[in-house]
Amino acid sequence: MGFDAFLKDFDRYFALLFDGCRHDSGDPVWWCRKLIKHYEDLRIDPRTKTAIFSDGLTFETAISLFRMFHTFIKVAFGIGTYLTNDCGFLAPQIVLKLVSVDGAPVAKISDSVGKGMCEDSEFEKYLRQIIKNKIS
């Protein structure tokens, strides 16, 4: 849901303006295939753009994604948790997320179950409906 809504706004202007996109949630293979197709549909050679993977990566996953996509698009990786936490225990989740701006709620709508967040359930419901209408 989130990436589809993003792609609706990520038109040729923005796709040419930015060097690439960062994968944050959902299936990374589905995401990258969809990103490559989006660039192709916009008549942009995906090999000139970068797909940055950073969602819960391991070295094994990064190698697999590299092998799968490096001939179609530039690939880069952010292996934060697994790179810096080799102590033998589960890493704490210490990501800071914005919850409001000037008293108004904000939301993260994610393509991964449990990764989205919003402290105002009515606002989240409203936002999800807007996104649903946008991608329909």
N, C-alpha and C. Protein backbone atom coordinates (compact mmCIF):
# COMPACT_ATOMS: atom_id res chain seq x y z
N MET A 1 0.82 -1.19 0.00
CA MET A 1 0.00 0.00 0.00
C MET A 1 0.87 1.26 0.00
N GLY A 2 1.87 1.33 0.87
CA GLY A 2 2.69 2.51 0.99
C GLY A 2 3.53 2.79 -0.25
N PHE A 3 4.18 1.77 -0.79
CA PHE A 3 5.04 1.96 -1.96
C PHE A 3 4.22 2.30 -3.20
N ASP A 4 3.07 1.66 -3.35
CA ASP A 4 2.20 1.98 -4.49
C ASP A 4 1.78 3.44 -4.45
N ALA A 5 1.43 3.94 -3.25
CA ALA A 5 1.05 5.35 -3.12
C ALA A 5 2.23 6.26 -3.43
N PHE A 6 3.42 5.87 -2.96
CA PHE A 6 4.62 6.64 -3.25
C PHE A 6 4.86 6.75 -4.76
N LEU A 7 4.73 5.63 -5.46
CA LEU A 7 4.98 5.62 -6.90
C LEU A 7 4.00 6.50 -7.67
N LYS A 8 2.79 6.66 -7.16
CA LYS A 8 1.83 7.54 -7.82
C LYS A 8 2.36 8.97 -7.86
N ASP A 9 3.07 9.38 -6.79
CA ASP A 9 3.62 10.74 -6.73
C ASP A 9 5.03 10.83 -7.31
N PHE A 10 5.72 9.71 -7.41
CA PHE A 10 7.10 9.67 -7.89
C PHE A 10 7.09 9.64 -9.41
N ASP A 11 6.75 10.80 -9.98
CA ASP A 11 6.62 10.91 -11.44
C ASP A 11 7.99 11.10 -12.08
N ARG A 12 7.99 11.31 -13.37
CA ARG A 12 9.26 11.45 -14.11
C ARG A 12 10.12 12.59 -13.56
N TYR A 13 9.50 13.68 -13.18
CA TYR A 13 10.25 14.82 -12.63
C TYR A 13 11.06 14.38 -11.40
N PHE A 14 10.38 13.76 -10.44
CA PHE A 14 11.08 13.34 -9.22
C PHE A 14 12.03 12.18 -9.47
N ALA A 15 11.65 11.27 -10.36
CA ALA A 15 12.52 10.13 -10.66
C ALA A 15 13.83 10.58 -11.30
N LEU A 16 13.79 11.64 -12.10
CA LEU A 16 15.01 12.19 -12.67
C LEU A 16 15.78 13.02 -11.65
N LEU A 17 15.07 13.66 -10.76
CA LEU A 17 15.68 14.53 -9.75
C LEU A 17 16.49 13.74 -8.72
N PHE A 18 15.96 12.60 -8.29
CA PHE A 18 16.61 11.82 -7.23
C PHE A 18 17.41 10.66 -7.83
N ASP A 19 18.52 10.34 -7.16
CA ASP A 19 19.42 9.29 -7.64
C ASP A 19 18.88 7.88 -7.45
N GLY A 20 17.90 7.71 -6.57
CA GLY A 20 17.36 6.39 -6.33
C GLY A 20 16.33 6.41 -5.22
N CYS A 21 16.00 5.21 -4.74
CA CYS A 21 14.99 5.05 -3.69
C CYS A 21 15.49 4.07 -2.63
N ARG A 22 14.97 4.22 -1.42
CA ARG A 22 15.35 3.34 -0.31
C ARG A 22 14.19 2.43 0.05
N HIS A 23 14.48 1.15 0.13
CA HIS A 23 13.49 0.16 0.55
C HIS A 23 13.40 0.21 2.08
N ASP A 24 12.18 0.36 2.58
CA ASP A 24 12.00 0.48 4.03
C ASP A 24 11.13 -0.63 4.61
N SER A 25 10.24 -1.18 3.81
CA SER A 25 9.35 -2.20 4.35
C SER A 25 8.78 -3.05 3.23
N GLY A 26 8.26 -4.21 3.61
CA GLY A 26 7.70 -5.12 2.62
C GLY A 26 8.76 -6.01 2.01
N ASP A 27 8.35 -6.79 1.06
CA ASP A 27 9.23 -7.75 0.39
C ASP A 27 10.22 -6.99 -0.50
N PRO A 28 11.54 -7.11 -0.26
CA PRO A 28 12.51 -6.36 -1.04
C PRO A 28 12.58 -6.76 -2.52
N VAL A 29 12.30 -8.02 -2.83
CA VAL A 29 12.32 -8.47 -4.23
C VAL A 29 11.15 -7.84 -4.98
N TRP A 30 9.97 -7.91 -4.41
CA TRP A 30 8.78 -7.29 -5.01
C TRP A 30 9.03 -5.79 -5.18
N TRP A 31 9.57 -5.15 -4.15
CA TRP A 31 9.82 -3.71 -4.17
C TRP A 31 10.77 -3.34 -5.31
N CYS A 32 11.87 -4.05 -5.42
CA CYS A 32 12.87 -3.70 -6.44
C CYS A 32 12.35 -3.95 -7.85
N ARG A 33 11.66 -5.04 -8.03
CA ARG A 33 11.07 -5.30 -9.35
C ARG A 33 10.10 -4.20 -9.75
N LYS A 34 9.30 -3.77 -8.77
CA LYS A 34 8.33 -2.72 -9.02
C LYS A 34 9.04 -1.39 -9.31
N LEU A 35 10.11 -1.10 -8.59
CA LEU A 35 10.88 0.12 -8.81
C LEU A 35 11.50 0.13 -10.20
N ILE A 36 12.11 -0.97 -10.59
CA ILE A 36 12.72 -1.07 -11.92
C ILE A 36 11.67 -0.85 -13.01
N LYS A 37 10.52 -1.51 -12.87
CA LYS A 37 9.45 -1.34 -13.86
C LYS A 37 8.96 0.11 -13.90
N HIS A 38 8.88 0.74 -12.73
CA HIS A 38 8.43 2.13 -12.68
C HIS A 38 9.39 3.03 -13.46
N TYR A 39 10.69 2.84 -13.25
CA TYR A 39 11.67 3.62 -14.01
C TYR A 39 11.51 3.35 -15.51
N GLU A 40 11.36 2.09 -15.88
CA GLU A 40 11.20 1.76 -17.30
C GLU A 40 9.94 2.40 -17.87
N ASP A 41 8.84 2.38 -17.12
CA ASP A 41 7.59 2.99 -17.58
C ASP A 41 7.75 4.50 -17.77
N LEU A 42 8.66 5.10 -16.99
CA LEU A 42 8.92 6.54 -17.10
C LEU A 42 9.99 6.85 -18.16
N ARG A 43 10.44 5.80 -18.88
CA ARG A 43 11.48 5.94 -19.90
C ARG A 43 12.81 6.41 -19.30
N ILE A 44 13.12 5.86 -18.12
CA ILE A 44 14.39 6.13 -17.44
C ILE A 44 15.12 4.80 -17.32
N ASP A 45 16.37 4.78 -17.72
CA ASP A 45 17.17 3.56 -17.62
C ASP A 45 17.44 3.27 -16.14
N PRO A 46 16.89 2.18 -15.58
CA PRO A 46 17.08 1.90 -14.16
C PRO A 46 18.55 1.70 -13.79
N ARG A 47 19.39 1.37 -14.76
CA ARG A 47 20.82 1.17 -14.47
C ARG A 47 21.51 2.48 -14.08
N THR A 48 20.81 3.62 -14.29
CA THR A 48 21.36 4.91 -13.88
C THR A 48 20.88 5.31 -12.48
N LYS A 49 20.05 4.47 -11.88
CA LYS A 49 19.46 4.77 -10.57
C LYS A 49 19.91 3.74 -9.53
N THR A 50 19.66 4.05 -8.26
CA THR A 50 20.10 3.17 -7.17
C THR A 50 18.91 2.71 -6.33
N ALA A 51 18.90 1.42 -6.04
CA ALA A 51 17.95 0.83 -5.08
C ALA A 51 18.73 0.57 -3.80
N ILE A 52 18.31 1.22 -2.72
CA ILE A 52 19.01 1.07 -1.44
C ILE A 52 18.16 0.19 -0.53
N PHE A 53 18.72 -0.92 -0.14
CA PHE A 53 18.04 -1.87 0.74
C PHE A 53 18.53 -1.64 2.17
N SER A 54 17.58 -1.58 3.12
CA SER A 54 18.01 -1.33 4.50
C SER A 54 17.06 -1.88 5.55
N ASP A 55 16.14 -2.72 5.16
CA ASP A 55 15.13 -3.20 6.09
C ASP A 55 15.52 -4.55 6.67
N GLY A 56 16.10 -4.57 7.87
CA GLY A 56 16.42 -5.82 8.56
C GLY A 56 17.37 -6.71 7.80
N LEU A 57 18.33 -6.13 7.12
CA LEU A 57 19.22 -6.91 6.27
C LEU A 57 20.24 -7.73 7.05
N THR A 58 20.58 -8.85 6.48
CA THR A 58 21.74 -9.63 6.90
C THR A 58 22.71 -9.61 5.72
N PHE A 59 23.95 -10.03 5.96
CA PHE A 59 24.91 -10.08 4.86
C PHE A 59 24.45 -11.06 3.79
N GLU A 60 23.85 -12.17 4.20
CA GLU A 60 23.38 -13.18 3.25
C GLU A 60 22.28 -12.62 2.35
N THR A 61 21.35 -11.88 2.96
CA THR A 61 20.26 -11.28 2.18
C THR A 61 20.81 -10.23 1.21
N ALA A 62 21.74 -9.44 1.68
CA ALA A 62 22.34 -8.41 0.82
C ALA A 62 23.03 -9.04 -0.39
N ILE A 63 23.76 -10.10 -0.16
CA ILE A 63 24.45 -10.78 -1.27
C ILE A 63 23.43 -11.33 -2.26
N SER A 64 22.37 -11.92 -1.75
CA SER A 64 21.32 -12.47 -2.62
C SER A 64 20.66 -11.37 -3.44
N LEU A 65 20.33 -10.24 -2.81
CA LEU A 65 19.70 -9.13 -3.52
C LEU A 65 20.66 -8.54 -4.55
N PHE A 66 21.93 -8.43 -4.20
CA PHE A 66 22.92 -7.93 -5.14
C PHE A 66 22.96 -8.81 -6.38
N ARG A 67 23.07 -10.11 -6.18
CA ARG A 67 23.15 -11.04 -7.31
C ARG A 67 21.90 -10.96 -8.19
N MET A 68 20.77 -10.76 -7.56
CA MET A 68 19.50 -10.74 -8.28
C MET A 68 19.32 -9.47 -9.12
N PHE A 69 19.81 -8.32 -8.62
CA PHE A 69 19.45 -7.04 -9.24
C PHE A 69 20.59 -6.20 -9.80
N HIS A 70 21.84 -6.49 -9.51
CA HIS A 70 22.92 -5.56 -9.86
C HIS A 70 23.07 -5.31 -11.36
N THR A 71 22.57 -6.18 -12.20
CA THR A 71 22.67 -5.93 -13.65
C THR A 71 21.51 -5.06 -14.16
N PHE A 72 20.50 -4.86 -13.33
CA PHE A 72 19.32 -4.10 -13.74
C PHE A 72 19.28 -2.70 -13.15
N ILE A 73 19.88 -2.52 -11.95
CA ILE A 73 19.85 -1.26 -11.22
C ILE A 73 21.04 -1.25 -10.27
N LYS A 74 21.57 -0.07 -9.98
CA LYS A 74 22.64 0.00 -8.98
C LYS A 74 22.03 -0.39 -7.63
N VAL A 75 22.78 -1.11 -6.82
CA VAL A 75 22.27 -1.51 -5.51
C VAL A 75 23.22 -1.05 -4.42
N ALA A 76 22.66 -0.68 -3.29
CA ALA A 76 23.42 -0.29 -2.11
C ALA A 76 22.69 -0.85 -0.89
N PHE A 77 23.42 -0.95 0.22
CA PHE A 77 22.86 -1.62 1.39
C PHE A 77 23.20 -0.87 2.66
N GLY A 78 22.25 -0.86 3.59
CA GLY A 78 22.46 -0.32 4.93
C GLY A 78 22.19 -1.44 5.92
N ILE A 79 23.26 -2.07 6.38
CA ILE A 79 23.10 -3.24 7.25
C ILE A 79 23.41 -2.81 8.69
N GLY A 80 22.61 -1.92 9.21
CA GLY A 80 22.87 -1.33 10.52
C GLY A 80 22.84 -2.29 11.68
N THR A 81 21.71 -2.88 11.98
CA THR A 81 21.56 -3.72 13.16
C THR A 81 22.52 -4.90 13.13
N TYR A 82 22.57 -5.61 12.03
CA TYR A 82 23.40 -6.80 11.97
C TYR A 82 24.89 -6.48 11.83
N LEU A 83 25.20 -5.26 11.39
CA LEU A 83 26.59 -4.86 11.29
C LEU A 83 27.13 -4.45 12.66
N THR A 84 26.31 -3.76 13.44
CA THR A 84 26.80 -3.20 14.70
C THR A 84 26.43 -4.04 15.92
N ASN A 85 25.57 -5.05 15.78
CA ASN A 85 25.16 -5.86 16.91
C ASN A 85 25.61 -7.30 16.71
N ASP A 86 26.81 -7.61 17.16
CA ASP A 86 27.30 -8.99 17.07
C ASP A 86 27.60 -9.53 18.46
N CYS A 87 26.75 -9.14 19.40
CA CYS A 87 26.98 -9.49 20.81
C CYS A 87 26.28 -10.78 21.23
N GLY A 88 25.53 -11.41 20.33
CA GLY A 88 24.89 -12.67 20.66
C GLY A 88 23.50 -12.55 21.25
N PHE A 89 22.93 -11.35 21.28
CA PHE A 89 21.56 -11.20 21.77
C PHE A 89 20.78 -10.32 20.80
N LEU A 90 19.45 -10.39 20.90
CA LEU A 90 18.57 -9.63 20.02
C LEU A 90 18.79 -8.14 20.23
N ALA A 91 18.99 -7.42 19.14
CA ALA A 91 19.23 -5.98 19.24
C ALA A 91 17.97 -5.24 19.65
N PRO A 92 18.10 -4.25 20.51
CA PRO A 92 16.93 -3.45 20.87
C PRO A 92 16.52 -2.58 19.69
N GLN A 93 15.24 -2.32 19.55
CA GLN A 93 14.73 -1.44 18.51
C GLN A 93 14.77 -0.01 19.05
N ILE A 94 15.68 0.79 18.56
CA ILE A 94 15.86 2.14 19.09
C ILE A 94 15.62 3.22 18.04
N VAL A 95 14.86 2.90 17.01
CA VAL A 95 14.56 3.88 15.98
C VAL A 95 13.58 4.91 16.54
N LEU A 96 13.89 6.17 16.33
CA LEU A 96 13.01 7.24 16.78
C LEU A 96 12.07 7.62 15.64
N LYS A 97 10.80 7.79 15.97
CA LYS A 97 9.81 8.13 14.95
C LYS A 97 8.99 9.33 15.42
N LEU A 98 8.69 10.19 14.49
CA LEU A 98 7.87 11.35 14.73
C LEU A 98 6.43 10.92 15.04
N VAL A 99 5.81 11.48 16.08
CA VAL A 99 4.43 11.11 16.41
C VAL A 99 3.45 12.27 16.25
N SER A 100 3.96 13.52 16.24
CA SER A 100 3.07 14.65 16.01
C SER A 100 3.89 15.86 15.58
N VAL A 101 3.20 16.80 14.94
CA VAL A 101 3.80 18.07 14.54
C VAL A 101 2.82 19.16 14.93
N ASP A 102 3.27 20.08 15.78
CA ASP A 102 2.41 21.17 16.27
C ASP A 102 1.08 20.65 16.79
N GLY A 103 1.10 19.52 17.49
CA GLY A 103 -0.10 18.94 18.08
C GLY A 103 -0.95 18.11 17.14
N ALA A 104 -0.60 18.07 15.85
CA ALA A 104 -1.35 17.28 14.88
C ALA A 104 -0.68 15.91 14.72
N PRO A 105 -1.47 14.86 14.58
CA PRO A 105 -0.89 13.52 14.48
C PRO A 105 -0.18 13.30 13.15
N VAL A 106 0.78 12.39 13.16
CA VAL A 106 1.43 11.91 11.94
C VAL A 106 1.35 10.40 11.97
N ALA A 107 1.58 9.77 10.83
CA ALA A 107 1.50 8.31 10.76
C ALA A 107 2.57 7.78 9.83
N LYS A 108 3.00 6.57 10.12
CA LYS A 108 3.84 5.82 9.18
C LYS A 108 2.99 4.67 8.70
N ILE A 109 2.72 4.66 7.41
CA ILE A 109 1.97 3.58 6.79
C ILE A 109 3.01 2.68 6.12
N SER A 110 3.07 1.44 6.53
CA SER A 110 4.14 0.54 6.10
C SER A 110 3.61 -0.61 5.27
N ASP A 111 4.49 -1.18 4.45
CA ASP A 111 4.16 -2.38 3.70
C ASP A 111 4.52 -3.64 4.49
N SER A 112 5.03 -3.47 5.71
CA SER A 112 5.33 -4.61 6.59
C SER A 112 4.41 -4.56 7.80
N VAL A 113 3.79 -5.69 8.10
CA VAL A 113 2.90 -5.77 9.25
C VAL A 113 3.69 -5.44 10.51
N GLY A 114 3.13 -4.58 11.35
CA GLY A 114 3.76 -4.23 12.62
C GLY A 114 4.77 -3.11 12.53
N LYS A 115 5.08 -2.63 11.35
CA LYS A 115 6.07 -1.58 11.20
C LYS A 115 5.46 -0.19 11.13
N GLY A 116 4.20 -0.11 10.77
CA GLY A 116 3.53 1.18 10.73
C GLY A 116 3.24 1.67 12.12
N MET A 117 2.95 2.95 12.23
CA MET A 117 2.61 3.46 13.55
C MET A 117 1.84 4.76 13.45
N CYS A 118 0.95 4.93 14.41
CA CYS A 118 0.21 6.17 14.56
C CYS A 118 -0.46 6.12 15.93
N GLU A 119 -0.35 7.20 16.68
CA GLU A 119 -0.95 7.24 18.01
C GLU A 119 -2.42 7.65 17.96
N ASP A 120 -2.90 8.08 16.81
CA ASP A 120 -4.29 8.52 16.65
C ASP A 120 -4.98 7.59 15.65
N SER A 121 -5.76 6.64 16.15
CA SER A 121 -6.37 5.63 15.29
C SER A 121 -7.33 6.22 14.26
N GLU A 122 -8.02 7.30 14.60
CA GLU A 122 -8.94 7.93 13.63
C GLU A 122 -8.15 8.58 12.49
N PHE A 123 -7.04 9.21 12.81
CA PHE A 123 -6.20 9.81 11.77
C PHE A 123 -5.62 8.73 10.87
N GLU A 124 -5.17 7.63 11.47
CA GLU A 124 -4.61 6.53 10.67
C GLU A 124 -5.67 5.96 9.73
N LYS A 125 -6.88 5.78 10.24
CA LYS A 125 -7.97 5.26 9.41
C LYS A 125 -8.26 6.22 8.25
N TYR A 126 -8.29 7.51 8.52
CA TYR A 126 -8.50 8.54 7.50
C TYR A 126 -7.38 8.50 6.45
N LEU A 127 -6.14 8.43 6.91
CA LEU A 127 -4.99 8.42 6.01
C LEU A 127 -4.98 7.17 5.13
N ARG A 128 -5.29 6.02 5.72
CA ARG A 128 -5.35 4.78 4.93
C ARG A 128 -6.41 4.86 3.84
N GLN A 129 -7.53 5.51 4.14
CA GLN A 129 -8.59 5.67 3.13
C GLN A 129 -8.12 6.57 1.99
N ILE A 130 -7.41 7.62 2.31
CA ILE A 130 -6.87 8.51 1.27
C ILE A 130 -5.90 7.74 0.38
N ILE A 131 -5.02 6.97 0.98
CA ILE A 131 -4.04 6.19 0.21
C ILE A 131 -4.75 5.15 -0.64
N LYS A 132 -5.73 4.47 -0.06
CA LYS A 132 -6.49 3.47 -0.81
C LYS A 132 -7.15 4.10 -2.04
N ASN A 133 -7.75 5.26 -1.86
CA ASN A 133 -8.39 5.96 -2.98
C ASN A 133 -7.36 6.38 -4.02
N LYS A 134 -6.19 6.78 -3.58
CA LYS A 134 -5.15 7.24 -4.49
C LYS A 134 -4.64 6.12 -5.39
N ILE A 135 -4.50 4.90 -4.84
CA ILE A 135 -3.93 3.81 -5.63
C ILE A 135 -4.99 2.98 -6.35
N SER A 136 -6.26 3.28 -6.10
CA SER A 136 -7.33 2.54 -6.79
C SER A 136 -7.51 3.01 -8.20
